[in-house]
Amino acid sequence: MHGDLRSLARILTVAAALLPALCGAQETYPARPVRFIVPFPAATPPDLLARIAAQKLTESWGAPVIVEVRDGAGGTIGVNQVVRSALDGYTLLFTNDIPIVIAPAVSKTAYDPRKDLAPIGAVAQGVSVLVVHPSLGVGSINELIAIARTRPGALTFASSGQASTSHMCAELIKRAAGIDLLGVPYKGAAPAIQAVLTGDVSMYCSPAFQALPHIKSGKLKALGTTGTRPSSVIPDVMPISAQGLPDVLASNWYAAFAHPNTPTAILDKIRDSLKRAFDDDVVRQKLAGVGLDPIWMDASALTATISSDLEKSARVAQKAGIRTE
């Protein structure tokens, strides 16, 4: 009994000694500029969101928050830079889900997203929309499926590259509907949507913000979105999952990460500040302007989402025979 009490006393003494240091780390951070590494090109949604976050956090902390673009290799170059960074919370990652849950499922990455990154939080989500050229003459998912079944392998889908979100989306639709579509990969989203605009390909799973102007102009026909409910960006387009293909669920989330050994007090401060920044009404309007829905996933919810999405990506990639190495 006395031994247990002495052990408890020692634990409380150690905890009391550590508490001021932990509080001090949170209070003094950041003492110098913080970097957000964005693993995709400038002016893409991850870059735009990182710059919104940087501006708000600079205002909140009174210390500069800088955005650095380190794109390439499907986002894995930028992720690797953060994984190899110092353990002090001054080099952070702002990314979409592609290098976190798709790249590791289709290739051998130098990092394991479940071990080598500390989730801070997800702030936004964007769905894809399946668009077709009007000349195809279909107005619904069921009509598309009917044509595809009568002409197996004749209909084509564009993608922004092998193992991209648009590629995985089309593979989900193929398998859920039991149809045969021919994939045509392009080097990026811009040439992919241009291909469907010109009618060179039949369809494309496009980011909603990219397709919206062409849907409004009538140059493209939207058949369905990949979310669980209608998107606030295109609320009149029904989810594909509500049109008889319940397994066609896919969305891009956008989140911040740090090195896994970053002090907890610093992670908590970044997380609290980031959540407040994206709760701002003006920021929410900016998200809507680029076709994104505001969300908040804390560390535990984001960790669970990563595990679930990794398993789903691996399953789709295996069935479709997708491998990039």
Protein backbone atom coordinates (compact mmCIF):
# COMPACT_ATOMS: atom_id res chain seq x y z
CA MET A 1 0.00 0.00 0.00
CA HIS A 2 2.73 2.46 0.97
CA GLY A 3 4.69 1.48 -2.16
CA ASP A 4 1.66 2.25 -4.34
CA LEU A 5 1.26 5.64 -2.70
CA ARG A 6 4.93 6.44 -3.20
CA SER A 7 4.67 5.47 -6.89
CA LEU A 8 1.61 7.67 -7.31
CA ALA A 9 3.42 10.53 -5.61
CA ARG A 10 6.36 10.19 -7.99
CA ILE A 11 4.03 10.20 -11.02
CA LEU A 12 2.28 13.33 -9.77
CA THR A 13 5.62 15.01 -9.11
CA VAL A 14 6.85 14.27 -12.65
CA ALA A 15 3.55 15.46 -14.14
CA ALA A 16 3.72 18.66 -12.13
CA ALA A 17 7.26 19.25 -13.36
CA LEU A 18 6.30 18.69 -17.00
CA LEU A 19 3.15 20.82 -16.95
CA PRO A 20 4.87 24.23 -17.02
CA ALA A 21 7.09 23.10 -19.90
CA LEU A 22 4.12 21.88 -21.91
CA CYS A 23 2.15 25.03 -21.24
CA GLY A 24 5.20 27.11 -22.07
CA ALA A 25 5.62 25.34 -25.42
CA GLN A 26 2.04 26.17 -26.32
CA GLU A 27 2.30 29.78 -25.16
CA THR A 28 5.57 30.60 -26.94
CA TYR A 29 4.80 28.78 -30.20
CA PRO A 30 5.39 30.05 -32.81
CA ALA A 31 8.57 31.96 -32.04
CA ARG A 32 9.63 32.09 -35.71
CA PRO A 33 7.97 31.66 -39.14
CA VAL A 34 5.91 28.52 -39.74
CA ARG A 35 5.83 26.83 -43.16
CA PHE A 36 2.90 25.09 -44.80
CA ILE A 37 4.21 22.70 -47.45
CA VAL A 38 1.70 22.22 -50.28
CA PRO A 39 2.49 19.16 -52.43
CA PHE A 40 0.49 20.37 -55.44
CA PRO A 41 0.85 23.25 -57.92
CA ALA A 42 -0.05 26.84 -57.09
CA ALA A 43 -3.71 27.87 -57.51
CA THR A 44 -5.00 24.34 -56.90
CA PRO A 45 -7.46 23.85 -53.99
CA PRO A 46 -4.76 22.65 -51.51
CA ASP A 47 -2.71 25.77 -52.27
CA LEU A 48 -5.70 28.10 -52.00
CA LEU A 49 -6.77 26.58 -48.68
CA ALA A 50 -3.23 26.70 -47.30
CA ARG A 51 -3.03 30.40 -48.15
CA ILE A 52 -6.34 31.06 -46.41
CA ALA A 53 -5.04 29.20 -43.37
CA ALA A 54 -1.71 31.01 -43.48
CA GLN A 55 -3.35 34.43 -43.54
CA LYS A 56 -5.70 33.65 -40.65
CA LEU A 57 -3.01 32.01 -38.52
CA THR A 58 -0.60 34.89 -39.13
CA GLU A 59 -3.28 37.26 -37.86
CA SER A 60 -4.02 35.03 -34.86
CA TRP A 61 -0.44 34.25 -33.84
CA GLY A 62 1.31 37.46 -34.79
CA ALA A 63 4.04 35.40 -36.47
CA PRO A 64 4.46 34.76 -40.20
CA VAL A 65 2.97 31.60 -41.71
CA ILE A 66 4.43 30.96 -45.16
CA VAL A 67 3.12 28.70 -47.94
CA GLU A 68 5.69 26.77 -49.99
CA VAL A 69 4.72 24.72 -53.05
CA ARG A 70 6.67 21.45 -53.39
CA ASP A 71 4.69 19.61 -56.03
CA GLY A 72 5.55 16.50 -58.00
CA ALA A 73 5.12 12.72 -58.00
CA GLY A 74 1.43 12.84 -57.11
CA GLY A 75 2.09 14.91 -54.00
CA THR A 76 4.58 12.50 -52.45
CA ILE A 77 7.57 14.87 -52.78
CA GLY A 78 5.98 17.45 -50.50
CA VAL A 79 4.83 14.81 -48.02
CA ASN A 80 8.36 13.41 -47.81
CA GLN A 81 9.70 16.87 -47.01
CA VAL A 82 7.40 17.15 -44.00
CA VAL A 83 8.15 13.59 -42.85
CA ARG A 84 11.87 14.46 -42.84
CA SER A 85 11.40 17.83 -41.12
CA ALA A 86 12.33 18.81 -37.57
CA LEU A 87 10.03 17.68 -34.76
CA ASP A 88 9.07 21.19 -33.69
CA GLY A 89 5.85 22.06 -35.50
CA TYR A 90 7.42 24.66 -37.77
CA THR A 91 7.05 22.61 -40.96
CA LEU A 92 3.47 21.54 -41.61
CA LEU A 93 1.71 19.83 -44.51
CA PHE A 94 -1.47 21.05 -46.18
CA THR A 95 -2.78 18.57 -48.73
CA ASN A 96 -5.71 16.76 -50.18
CA ASP A 97 -6.16 13.02 -49.72
CA ILE A 98 -4.32 11.89 -52.87
CA PRO A 99 -0.79 11.41 -51.42
CA ILE A 100 -2.27 10.16 -48.15
CA VAL A 101 -4.75 7.45 -49.19
CA ILE A 102 -4.31 6.87 -52.95
CA ALA A 103 -0.56 7.04 -53.63
CA PRO A 104 0.33 4.54 -50.83
CA ALA A 105 -2.36 2.16 -52.12
CA VAL A 106 -1.02 2.02 -55.67
CA SER A 107 2.73 2.44 -55.21
CA LYS A 108 5.52 1.98 -52.69
CA THR A 109 5.86 5.36 -50.99
CA ALA A 110 8.76 6.30 -48.73
CA TYR A 111 6.31 7.02 -45.92
CA ASP A 112 3.41 5.34 -44.18
CA PRO A 113 0.70 8.00 -43.67
CA ARG A 114 -0.61 6.18 -40.61
CA LYS A 115 2.77 6.29 -38.83
CA ASP A 116 4.82 9.10 -40.32
CA LEU A 117 2.32 11.97 -40.07
CA ALA A 118 0.33 13.46 -37.20
CA PRO A 119 -3.18 14.50 -38.32
CA ILE A 120 -4.11 18.01 -37.21
CA GLY A 121 -7.53 18.35 -38.81
CA ALA A 122 -9.51 18.36 -42.06
CA VAL A 123 -11.17 21.65 -42.98
CA ALA A 124 -12.91 21.12 -46.32
CA GLN A 125 -14.30 18.53 -48.67
CA GLY A 126 -14.91 18.49 -52.39
CA VAL A 127 -16.89 15.99 -54.41
CA SER A 128 -16.48 14.97 -58.01
CA VAL A 129 -19.23 15.16 -60.60
CA LEU A 130 -19.60 12.75 -63.50
CA VAL A 131 -19.99 14.85 -66.65
CA VAL A 132 -20.62 13.72 -70.22
CA HIS A 133 -20.59 15.45 -73.58
CA PRO A 134 -24.17 16.37 -74.61
CA SER A 135 -23.74 14.48 -77.87
CA LEU A 136 -23.82 11.23 -75.90
CA GLY A 137 -27.54 11.85 -75.46
CA VAL A 138 -27.92 10.63 -71.87
CA GLY A 139 -29.51 12.45 -68.96
CA SER A 140 -29.04 10.03 -66.08
CA ILE A 141 -26.76 7.37 -64.68
CA ASN A 142 -29.23 4.64 -65.65
CA GLU A 143 -29.30 5.82 -69.26
CA LEU A 144 -25.50 5.84 -69.33
CA ILE A 145 -25.37 2.31 -67.94
CA ALA A 146 -27.90 1.12 -70.56
CA ILE A 147 -25.81 2.49 -73.43
CA ALA A 148 -22.57 1.13 -71.97
CA ARG A 149 -24.07 -2.36 -71.72
CA THR A 150 -25.11 -2.33 -75.36
CA ARG A 151 -21.72 -0.99 -76.47
CA PRO A 152 -19.14 -2.63 -74.16
CA GLY A 153 -15.75 -0.92 -74.34
CA ALA A 154 -16.97 1.75 -76.76
CA LEU A 155 -17.51 4.51 -74.20
CA THR A 156 -14.41 6.27 -72.89
CA PHE A 157 -13.56 8.15 -69.71
CA ALA A 158 -10.87 10.74 -69.24
CA SER A 159 -8.69 10.85 -66.15
CA SER A 160 -6.13 13.35 -64.93
CA GLY A 161 -3.57 10.56 -64.73
CA GLN A 162 -3.04 6.98 -63.64
CA ALA A 163 -4.33 6.40 -60.09
CA SER A 164 -5.73 9.94 -59.87
CA THR A 165 -9.00 10.68 -58.10
CA SER A 166 -10.79 10.84 -61.46
CA HIS A 167 -9.36 7.45 -62.44
CA MET A 168 -10.42 5.82 -59.16
CA CYS A 169 -13.88 7.39 -59.48
CA ALA A 170 -14.42 5.90 -62.93
CA GLU A 171 -13.22 2.50 -61.73
CA LEU A 172 -15.75 2.65 -58.89
CA ILE A 173 -18.54 3.36 -61.38
CA LYS A 174 -17.40 0.59 -63.74
CA ARG A 175 -17.44 -2.03 -61.02
CA ALA A 176 -20.60 -0.87 -59.30
CA ALA A 177 -22.54 -0.82 -62.58
CA GLY A 178 -20.89 -3.86 -64.15
CA ILE A 179 -19.98 -2.00 -67.33
CA ASP A 180 -16.90 -1.84 -69.54
CA LEU A 181 -15.41 1.62 -70.12
CA LEU A 182 -12.12 2.48 -71.79
CA GLY A 183 -9.86 4.76 -69.77
CA VAL A 184 -7.85 7.54 -71.43
CA PRO A 185 -5.29 9.16 -69.08
CA TYR A 186 -4.23 12.78 -69.52
CA LYS A 187 -1.46 14.81 -67.91
CA GLY A 188 -3.59 16.77 -65.49
CA ALA A 189 -7.14 17.93 -64.93
CA ALA A 190 -7.12 20.72 -67.53
CA PRO A 191 -6.49 18.50 -70.59
CA ALA A 192 -8.85 15.86 -69.18
CA ILE A 193 -11.84 18.17 -69.02
CA GLN A 194 -10.88 19.70 -72.36
CA ALA A 195 -11.08 16.22 -73.88
CA VAL A 196 -14.68 15.74 -72.76
CA LEU A 197 -15.56 19.31 -73.80
CA THR A 198 -14.45 18.57 -77.34
CA GLY A 199 -16.12 15.16 -77.35
CA ASP A 200 -12.85 13.27 -77.69
CA VAL A 201 -13.93 11.17 -74.70
CA SER A 202 -17.39 10.30 -73.42
CA MET A 203 -17.13 11.26 -69.76
CA TYR A 204 -14.98 12.54 -66.90
CA CYS A 205 -15.22 12.48 -63.09
CA SER A 206 -14.36 16.12 -62.58
CA PRO A 207 -13.84 18.17 -59.44
CA ALA A 208 -17.08 20.08 -59.01
CA PHE A 209 -15.44 23.52 -59.11
CA GLN A 210 -13.73 22.69 -62.42
CA ALA A 211 -16.87 21.44 -64.14
CA LEU A 212 -19.38 23.95 -62.77
CA PRO A 213 -18.93 26.71 -65.42
CA HIS A 214 -19.29 24.17 -68.23
CA ILE A 215 -22.37 22.62 -66.63
CA LYS A 216 -23.99 26.05 -66.31
CA SER A 217 -23.18 26.91 -69.92
CA GLY A 218 -24.65 23.63 -71.17
CA LYS A 219 -21.37 22.47 -72.67
CA LEU A 220 -21.36 19.46 -70.33
CA LYS A 221 -24.16 17.39 -68.80
CA ALA A 222 -23.87 16.44 -65.12
CA LEU A 223 -25.15 12.96 -64.31
CA GLY A 224 -24.32 12.67 -60.62
CA THR A 225 -21.96 13.57 -57.80
CA THR A 226 -19.84 11.25 -55.67
CA GLY A 227 -20.94 12.42 -52.22
CA THR A 228 -23.51 11.01 -49.83
CA ARG A 229 -25.82 13.99 -50.34
CA PRO A 230 -26.18 16.80 -52.90
CA SER A 231 -23.27 19.22 -52.85
CA SER A 232 -23.92 22.83 -51.88
CA VAL A 233 -21.99 23.80 -55.02
CA ILE A 234 -24.34 21.93 -57.42
CA PRO A 235 -27.37 21.11 -55.24
CA ASP A 236 -29.62 20.14 -58.16
CA VAL A 237 -27.36 17.22 -59.17
CA MET A 238 -28.18 14.00 -57.35
CA PRO A 239 -25.49 11.77 -55.85
CA ILE A 240 -24.64 8.68 -57.90
CA SER A 241 -25.10 6.64 -54.72
CA ALA A 242 -28.79 7.68 -54.70
CA GLN A 243 -29.26 6.56 -58.31
CA GLY A 244 -28.83 2.84 -57.79
CA LEU A 245 -25.06 2.66 -57.24
CA PRO A 246 -24.68 3.00 -53.45
CA ASP A 247 -20.99 2.05 -53.47
CA VAL A 248 -19.96 5.00 -55.63
CA LEU A 249 -18.82 7.29 -52.83
CA ALA A 250 -15.68 9.36 -53.21
CA SER A 251 -14.62 12.79 -52.11
CA ASN A 252 -11.46 14.79 -51.68
CA TRP A 253 -10.81 16.07 -48.20
CA TYR A 254 -8.26 18.75 -47.39
CA ALA A 255 -6.28 18.59 -44.19
CA ALA A 256 -3.22 19.72 -42.25
CA PHE A 257 -0.57 17.40 -40.84
CA ALA A 258 2.64 17.65 -38.83
CA HIS A 259 5.58 15.41 -37.99
CA PRO A 260 4.32 12.66 -35.65
CA ASN A 261 6.76 13.57 -32.88
CA THR A 262 5.63 17.18 -32.68
CA PRO A 263 4.89 18.11 -29.03
CA THR A 264 1.24 17.56 -28.14
CA ALA A 265 0.82 21.08 -26.78
CA ILE A 266 1.92 22.56 -30.10
CA LEU A 267 -0.35 20.23 -32.10
CA ASP A 268 -3.26 21.27 -29.89
CA LYS A 269 -2.55 24.96 -30.44
CA ILE A 270 -2.34 24.55 -34.22
CA ARG A 271 -5.53 22.47 -34.24
CA ASP A 272 -7.51 24.97 -32.16
CA SER A 273 -6.29 27.91 -34.25
CA LEU A 274 -7.03 26.13 -37.54
CA LYS A 275 -10.55 25.22 -36.45
CA ARG A 276 -11.29 28.82 -35.47
CA ALA A 277 -9.86 30.08 -38.77
CA PHE A 278 -12.17 27.90 -40.88
CA ASP A 279 -15.21 28.64 -38.71
CA ASP A 280 -15.07 32.21 -40.03
CA ASP A 281 -18.06 33.11 -42.27
CA VAL A 282 -15.88 34.94 -44.80
CA VAL A 283 -13.62 31.89 -45.08
CA ARG A 284 -16.64 29.65 -45.62
CA GLN A 285 -17.75 31.90 -48.48
CA LYS A 286 -14.30 31.58 -50.02
CA LEU A 287 -14.59 27.79 -49.85
CA ALA A 288 -17.92 27.88 -51.66
CA GLY A 289 -16.29 30.04 -54.31
CA VAL A 290 -13.87 27.25 -55.20
CA GLY A 291 -16.48 24.49 -55.01
CA LEU A 292 -15.67 23.15 -51.55
CA ASP A 293 -17.87 22.36 -48.58
CA PRO A 294 -16.57 23.32 -45.11
CA ILE A 295 -16.13 20.42 -42.70
CA TRP A 296 -14.18 19.76 -39.53
CA MET A 297 -12.54 16.44 -38.70
CA ASP A 298 -10.36 16.39 -35.62
CA ALA A 299 -7.33 14.12 -35.25
CA SER A 300 -9.25 11.00 -34.22
CA ALA A 301 -11.89 11.35 -36.95
CA LEU A 302 -9.24 12.06 -39.59
CA THR A 303 -7.18 9.07 -38.46
CA ALA A 304 -10.21 6.79 -38.85
CA THR A 305 -11.01 8.28 -42.27
CA ILE A 306 -7.45 7.71 -43.47
CA SER A 307 -7.56 4.04 -42.48
CA SER A 308 -10.93 3.52 -44.14
CA ASP A 309 -9.96 5.38 -47.33
CA LEU A 310 -6.66 3.52 -47.60
CA GLU A 311 -8.47 0.19 -47.47
CA LYS A 312 -10.99 1.34 -50.08
CA SER A 313 -8.28 2.65 -52.43
CA ALA A 314 -6.29 -0.57 -52.12
CA ARG A 315 -9.39 -2.63 -52.87
CA VAL A 316 -10.30 -0.60 -55.96
CA ALA A 317 -6.70 -0.55 -57.19
CA GLN A 318 -6.37 -4.33 -56.81
CA LYS A 319 -9.59 -5.07 -58.68
CA ALA A 320 -8.69 -2.64 -61.44
CA GLY A 321 -5.07 -3.79 -61.66
CA ILE A 322 -3.77 -0.27 -60.95
CA ARG A 323 -0.12 -0.07 -59.99
CA THR A 324 2.18 2.87 -60.73
CA GLU A 325 5.56 1.25 -60.13
